[in-house]
Amino acid sequence: MSVSRARWEERLFAVVRPLVVVALALITLVPFLYMLLLSVKPIDALLLEPGSLWVSAQDFTVSTYRDVLRSADAGGQGFLRFLLNSGLVSLGTVALTLLASVPGAYAVSRLRFFGRRQVSALFLAVYLFPATLLAVPLFVIFARLGLSSSLVGLAVVYVAQTVPVSVYMLKNYLVTVPVSVEEAAALDGCTRLRAVREVVLPLAVPSLMATGLYVFMIAWNEFLFALLFLAADPQRWTVSLGLAQLADGVEVPKTVLMAGSVVLTIPVVLLFFAAERLLAEGLTGGADKG
């Protein structure tokens, strides 16, 4: 009976698995494909046939992307500057977050001190605070420091948001790294700091990359603090603020709005695929080192 039931389950999963994969792929890809098709369609063709998704060769245009990326002084939407601002803020947030999270995660996972378990839980609890609760105090503090309209100040705010969850994520990986590798490094004359730098961190490359990608996506897509800190200076807007401006503009064609959405999405998608390959290499390298 158990053998026949196992075969029945295998046959069921063989049928259900591809259906689930196809359904998830459609849910994920169809909205993006719709957005992409609208972004290369002229507004007059869209108004004539609003229900048509197909873009003919004669209707195909990239003028919407030129309009989105062109500077505001030249009559465009200035997304090229917004992309640069978002890239600087996101990469700076990743660097500062990892710089602060690695020592914290190592301390929580390796060192023995009073309240270690409570401190670990506290990191995650801080992340659960709603952003709106911290928005006003952070804005007042950074305004007094003169960083209220600064990309550096915005990156520091993001670091305060991402460090708790980054410490929690890295800690969960570092506890799986055997202590014996550090003990072996100590027998070879390595100090604790050198062992962390030359032994632990190379083994933790997959976790560092996954955490860095997660932090990058948070900083890239964040809107509330960007609006609060940068609304007064359009030259420092991030791409999420620029997209919100397009969405609120009555005179902006929806095709241009779709082009802006594609411009916002593609860098993260490309980074994810690049990081996926590097993540696989990091896993293999960590296994070899182990």
Protein backbone atom coordinates (compact mmCIF):
# COMPACT_ATOMS: atom_id res chain seq x y z
CA MET A 1 0.00 0.00 0.00
CA SER A 2 2.82 2.40 0.89
CA VAL A 3 4.69 1.60 -2.33
CA SER A 4 1.63 2.26 -4.49
CA ARG A 5 0.92 5.45 -2.58
CA ALA A 6 4.49 6.63 -3.11
CA ARG A 7 4.20 5.96 -6.84
CA TRP A 8 0.89 7.82 -6.95
CA GLU A 9 2.47 10.81 -5.20
CA GLU A 10 5.40 10.76 -7.59
CA ARG A 11 3.05 10.78 -10.58
CA LEU A 12 0.99 13.57 -9.02
CA PHE A 13 4.06 15.71 -8.35
CA ALA A 14 5.34 15.03 -11.86
CA VAL A 15 2.13 16.59 -13.21
CA VAL A 16 1.64 19.34 -10.63
CA ARG A 17 5.25 20.56 -10.50
CA PRO A 18 5.46 21.89 -14.09
CA LEU A 19 1.98 23.40 -13.78
CA VAL A 20 3.01 25.29 -10.66
CA VAL A 21 6.25 26.44 -12.29
CA VAL A 22 4.39 27.67 -15.38
CA ALA A 23 1.78 29.45 -13.24
CA LEU A 24 4.43 31.22 -11.16
CA ALA A 25 6.36 32.15 -14.30
CA LEU A 26 3.22 33.66 -15.85
CA ILE A 27 2.39 35.60 -12.69
CA THR A 28 5.94 36.99 -12.63
CA LEU A 29 6.65 37.57 -16.30
CA VAL A 30 3.31 38.66 -17.79
CA PRO A 31 3.11 42.02 -15.92
CA PHE A 32 6.72 42.81 -16.82
CA LEU A 33 6.13 41.81 -20.46
CA TYR A 34 3.01 43.99 -20.58
CA MET A 35 4.97 46.90 -19.14
CA LEU A 36 7.79 46.35 -21.64
CA LEU A 37 5.43 46.22 -24.64
CA LEU A 38 3.67 49.41 -23.60
CA SER A 39 6.99 51.18 -23.16
CA VAL A 40 7.94 50.68 -26.84
CA LYS A 41 4.54 51.67 -28.18
CA PRO A 42 3.71 55.26 -29.22
CA ILE A 43 0.92 56.90 -27.28
CA ASP A 44 -1.25 57.47 -30.38
CA ALA A 45 -1.18 53.75 -31.25
CA LEU A 46 -2.08 52.92 -27.65
CA LEU A 47 -5.05 55.31 -27.73
CA LEU A 48 -6.29 53.87 -31.03
CA GLU A 49 -6.03 50.26 -29.83
CA PRO A 50 -5.87 50.29 -26.02
CA GLY A 51 -6.54 46.56 -25.75
CA SER A 52 -3.87 45.47 -28.23
CA LEU A 53 -0.63 44.16 -26.75
CA TRP A 54 1.13 43.45 -30.02
CA VAL A 55 3.60 46.09 -31.23
CA SER A 56 4.08 46.16 -34.98
CA ALA A 57 7.39 47.03 -36.59
CA GLN A 58 6.12 50.41 -37.74
CA ASP A 59 4.83 51.29 -34.27
CA PHE A 60 7.96 50.18 -32.42
CA THR A 61 9.74 53.14 -30.85
CA VAL A 62 12.36 53.86 -28.22
CA SER A 63 11.53 57.56 -28.02
CA THR A 64 9.89 56.93 -24.65
CA TYR A 65 13.22 55.79 -23.23
CA ARG A 66 14.98 58.82 -24.70
CA ASP A 67 12.35 61.01 -23.06
CA VAL A 68 12.78 59.25 -19.73
CA LEU A 69 16.60 59.32 -19.70
CA ARG A 70 17.04 62.82 -21.16
CA SER A 71 17.81 65.54 -18.65
CA ALA A 72 15.05 67.85 -17.46
CA ASP A 73 16.87 70.83 -18.98
CA ALA A 74 16.57 69.15 -22.39
CA GLY A 75 12.85 68.47 -21.92
CA GLY A 76 13.15 64.94 -20.56
CA GLN A 77 12.43 63.33 -17.22
CA GLY A 78 16.03 63.20 -15.94
CA PHE A 79 16.09 59.50 -15.08
CA LEU A 80 19.77 59.16 -15.95
CA ARG A 81 20.64 61.36 -12.98
CA PHE A 82 18.10 59.52 -10.82
CA LEU A 83 19.72 56.19 -11.74
CA LEU A 84 23.14 57.54 -10.80
CA ASN A 85 21.83 58.85 -7.47
CA SER A 86 20.12 55.54 -6.68
CA GLY A 87 23.23 53.60 -7.66
CA LEU A 88 25.46 55.69 -5.39
CA VAL A 89 23.07 55.45 -2.46
CA SER A 90 22.46 51.71 -2.90
CA LEU A 91 26.12 50.75 -3.32
CA GLY A 92 27.12 52.98 -0.41
CA THR A 93 24.41 51.39 1.73
CA VAL A 94 25.63 47.90 0.84
CA ALA A 95 29.25 48.75 1.68
CA LEU A 96 28.43 50.45 4.99
CA THR A 97 25.93 47.78 5.99
CA LEU A 98 28.33 44.90 5.39
CA LEU A 99 31.13 46.80 7.11
CA ALA A 100 28.97 47.14 10.22
CA SER A 101 27.17 43.79 10.01
CA VAL A 102 30.12 41.42 9.63
CA PRO A 103 31.71 42.24 13.03
CA GLY A 104 28.30 42.23 14.70
CA ALA A 105 27.27 38.92 13.18
CA TYR A 106 30.63 37.35 14.07
CA ALA A 107 30.39 38.56 17.65
CA VAL A 108 26.87 37.17 18.08
CA SER A 109 27.71 33.83 16.45
CA ARG A 110 31.14 33.19 17.96
CA LEU A 111 31.81 35.18 21.13
CA ARG A 112 30.37 34.19 24.49
CA PHE A 113 28.98 37.06 26.55
CA PHE A 114 26.05 37.75 28.84
CA GLY A 115 22.78 38.28 26.96
CA ARG A 116 24.13 37.01 23.63
CA ARG A 117 20.87 35.31 22.70
CA GLN A 118 18.81 38.35 23.70
CA VAL A 119 21.04 40.65 21.65
CA SER A 120 20.58 38.41 18.62
CA ALA A 121 16.80 38.57 18.98
CA LEU A 122 16.96 42.33 19.56
CA PHE A 123 18.55 42.89 16.15
CA LEU A 124 15.57 41.30 14.45
CA ALA A 125 13.09 43.07 16.74
CA VAL A 126 14.53 46.46 15.75
CA TYR A 127 13.94 45.61 12.09
CA LEU A 128 10.28 44.95 12.83
CA PHE A 129 9.67 48.57 13.90
CA PRO A 130 7.58 50.34 11.22
CA ALA A 131 9.53 52.84 9.13
CA THR A 132 6.98 55.59 9.79
CA LEU A 133 7.78 55.39 13.51
CA LEU A 134 11.43 56.24 12.83
CA ALA A 135 10.93 58.71 9.99
CA VAL A 136 10.32 61.89 11.98
CA PRO A 137 13.06 61.38 14.65
CA LEU A 138 15.62 60.49 11.98
CA PHE A 139 14.66 63.50 9.88
CA VAL A 140 15.00 65.87 12.86
CA ILE A 141 18.40 64.41 13.81
CA PHE A 142 19.80 64.57 10.29
CA ALA A 143 18.37 68.05 9.70
CA ARG A 144 20.31 69.29 12.74
CA LEU A 145 23.42 67.60 11.36
CA GLY A 146 22.92 69.28 7.99
CA LEU A 147 22.35 65.99 6.15
CA SER A 148 18.61 66.25 5.49
CA SER A 149 19.06 66.78 1.72
CA SER A 150 22.14 64.65 1.25
CA LEU A 151 22.65 61.30 -0.46
CA VAL A 152 25.17 60.45 2.25
CA GLY A 153 22.59 61.10 4.95
CA LEU A 154 20.04 58.96 3.10
CA ALA A 155 22.56 56.11 2.84
CA VAL A 156 23.24 56.32 6.58
CA VAL A 157 19.49 56.16 7.25
CA TYR A 158 19.25 53.06 5.08
CA VAL A 159 22.15 51.52 7.00
CA ALA A 160 20.23 52.01 10.23
CA GLN A 161 17.33 50.15 8.61
CA THR A 162 19.31 47.30 7.06
CA VAL A 163 22.00 46.50 9.65
CA PRO A 164 19.66 44.59 12.05
CA VAL A 165 18.35 42.16 9.45
CA SER A 166 21.82 41.87 7.87
CA VAL A 167 23.33 40.88 11.21
CA TYR A 168 20.59 38.31 11.67
CA MET A 169 21.10 36.85 8.18
CA LEU A 170 24.89 36.69 8.46
CA LYS A 171 24.74 35.23 11.95
CA ASN A 172 22.61 32.33 10.75
CA TYR A 173 25.27 31.49 8.17
CA LEU A 174 28.35 32.04 10.35
CA VAL A 175 27.11 29.56 12.96
CA THR A 176 27.33 26.87 10.24
CA VAL A 177 31.04 27.57 9.64
CA PRO A 178 32.98 25.04 11.76
CA VAL A 179 34.92 26.50 14.66
CA SER A 180 37.66 24.00 13.82
CA VAL A 181 38.77 26.06 10.81
CA GLU A 182 39.48 29.02 13.09
CA GLU A 183 41.25 26.78 15.59
CA ALA A 184 43.43 25.42 12.80
CA ALA A 185 44.24 28.97 11.72
CA ALA A 186 45.12 29.86 15.32
CA LEU A 187 47.52 26.90 15.47
CA ASP A 188 49.18 28.30 12.33
CA GLY A 189 49.77 31.57 14.16
CA CYS A 190 46.79 33.61 12.94
CA THR A 191 45.21 36.13 15.24
CA ARG A 192 41.42 36.16 15.53
CA LEU A 193 41.17 39.17 13.23
CA ARG A 194 43.38 37.54 10.61
CA ALA A 195 41.47 34.27 10.87
CA VAL A 196 38.21 36.12 10.28
CA ARG A 197 39.64 37.97 7.31
CA GLU A 198 41.44 35.07 5.62
CA VAL A 199 39.37 32.03 6.66
CA VAL A 200 35.84 32.91 7.80
CA LEU A 201 35.01 35.64 5.29
CA PRO A 202 36.03 33.59 2.20
CA LEU A 203 33.77 30.80 3.44
CA ALA A 204 30.98 33.31 4.03
CA VAL A 205 31.08 34.75 0.50
CA PRO A 206 27.67 33.25 -0.47
CA SER A 207 26.00 34.78 2.58
CA LEU A 208 27.74 38.13 2.07
CA MET A 209 26.54 38.26 -1.52
CA ALA A 210 22.99 37.26 -0.67
CA THR A 211 22.86 39.84 2.11
CA GLY A 212 24.41 42.52 -0.10
CA LEU A 213 21.87 41.85 -2.84
CA TYR A 214 19.01 42.03 -0.35
CA VAL A 215 20.30 45.35 1.03
CA PHE A 216 20.79 46.74 -2.47
CA MET A 217 17.20 45.96 -3.44
CA ILE A 218 15.90 47.60 -0.25
CA ALA A 219 17.90 50.79 -0.89
CA TRP A 220 17.08 50.82 -4.61
CA ASN A 221 13.31 50.54 -4.16
CA GLU A 222 12.87 52.54 -0.93
CA PHE A 223 10.54 55.52 -1.25
CA LEU A 224 9.45 56.90 2.15
CA PHE A 225 12.83 58.11 3.46
CA ALA A 226 13.91 59.22 -0.01
CA LEU A 227 10.79 61.39 -0.22
CA LEU A 228 11.29 62.74 3.28
CA PHE A 229 14.99 63.59 2.87
CA LEU A 230 15.29 64.54 -0.81
CA ALA A 231 11.93 66.01 -1.85
CA ALA A 232 13.26 69.59 -1.65
CA ASP A 233 16.15 68.95 -4.07
CA PRO A 234 15.12 67.29 -7.39
CA GLN A 235 18.78 67.04 -8.45
CA ARG A 236 19.32 64.46 -5.70
CA TRP A 237 16.18 62.43 -6.29
CA THR A 238 16.44 58.67 -6.54
CA VAL A 239 14.76 56.67 -9.27
CA SER A 240 11.83 55.73 -7.03
CA LEU A 241 11.04 59.42 -6.52
CA GLY A 242 11.35 60.03 -10.25
CA LEU A 243 8.92 57.22 -10.99
CA ALA A 244 6.44 58.62 -8.46
CA GLN A 245 6.69 61.96 -10.24
CA LEU A 246 5.81 60.28 -13.53
CA ALA A 247 2.87 58.46 -11.96
CA ASP A 248 1.48 61.68 -10.50
CA GLY A 249 1.94 63.71 -13.67
CA VAL A 250 -1.32 64.05 -15.60
CA GLU A 251 0.50 65.29 -18.72
CA VAL A 252 2.93 62.34 -18.76
CA PRO A 253 1.90 59.61 -21.26
CA LYS A 254 1.45 56.16 -19.77
CA THR A 255 3.96 54.80 -22.27
CA VAL A 256 6.61 57.06 -20.72
CA LEU A 257 5.54 55.87 -17.27
CA MET A 258 6.00 52.26 -18.40
CA ALA A 259 9.44 53.11 -19.78
CA GLY A 260 10.37 54.59 -16.41
CA SER A 261 9.15 51.43 -14.69
CA VAL A 262 11.31 49.30 -16.97
CA VAL A 263 14.32 51.53 -16.28
CA LEU A 264 13.70 51.09 -12.55
CA THR A 265 13.37 47.30 -12.81
CA ILE A 266 16.08 46.23 -15.25
CA PRO A 267 19.17 47.12 -13.11
CA VAL A 268 17.90 45.01 -10.22
CA VAL A 269 17.05 42.10 -12.54
CA LEU A 270 20.48 42.21 -14.18
CA LEU A 271 22.19 42.44 -10.80
CA PHE A 272 20.21 39.47 -9.55
CA PHE A 273 21.25 37.27 -12.48
CA ALA A 274 24.87 38.37 -12.16
CA ALA A 275 24.83 37.73 -8.42
CA GLU A 276 23.21 34.34 -8.96
CA ARG A 277 26.19 33.19 -11.00
CA LEU A 278 28.64 34.65 -8.52
CA LEU A 279 26.71 33.08 -5.67
CA ALA A 280 27.12 29.63 -7.22
CA GLU A 281 30.85 30.29 -7.61
CA GLY A 282 31.02 31.40 -3.98
CA LEU A 283 29.29 28.24 -2.81
CA THR A 284 31.74 26.08 -4.75
CA GLY A 285 34.71 28.07 -3.52
CA GLY A 286 33.49 27.79 0.08
CA ALA A 287 33.13 24.03 -0.28
CA ASP A 288 36.68 23.75 -1.63
CA LYS A 289 38.05 25.84 1.23
CA GLY A 290 36.11 23.80 3.77
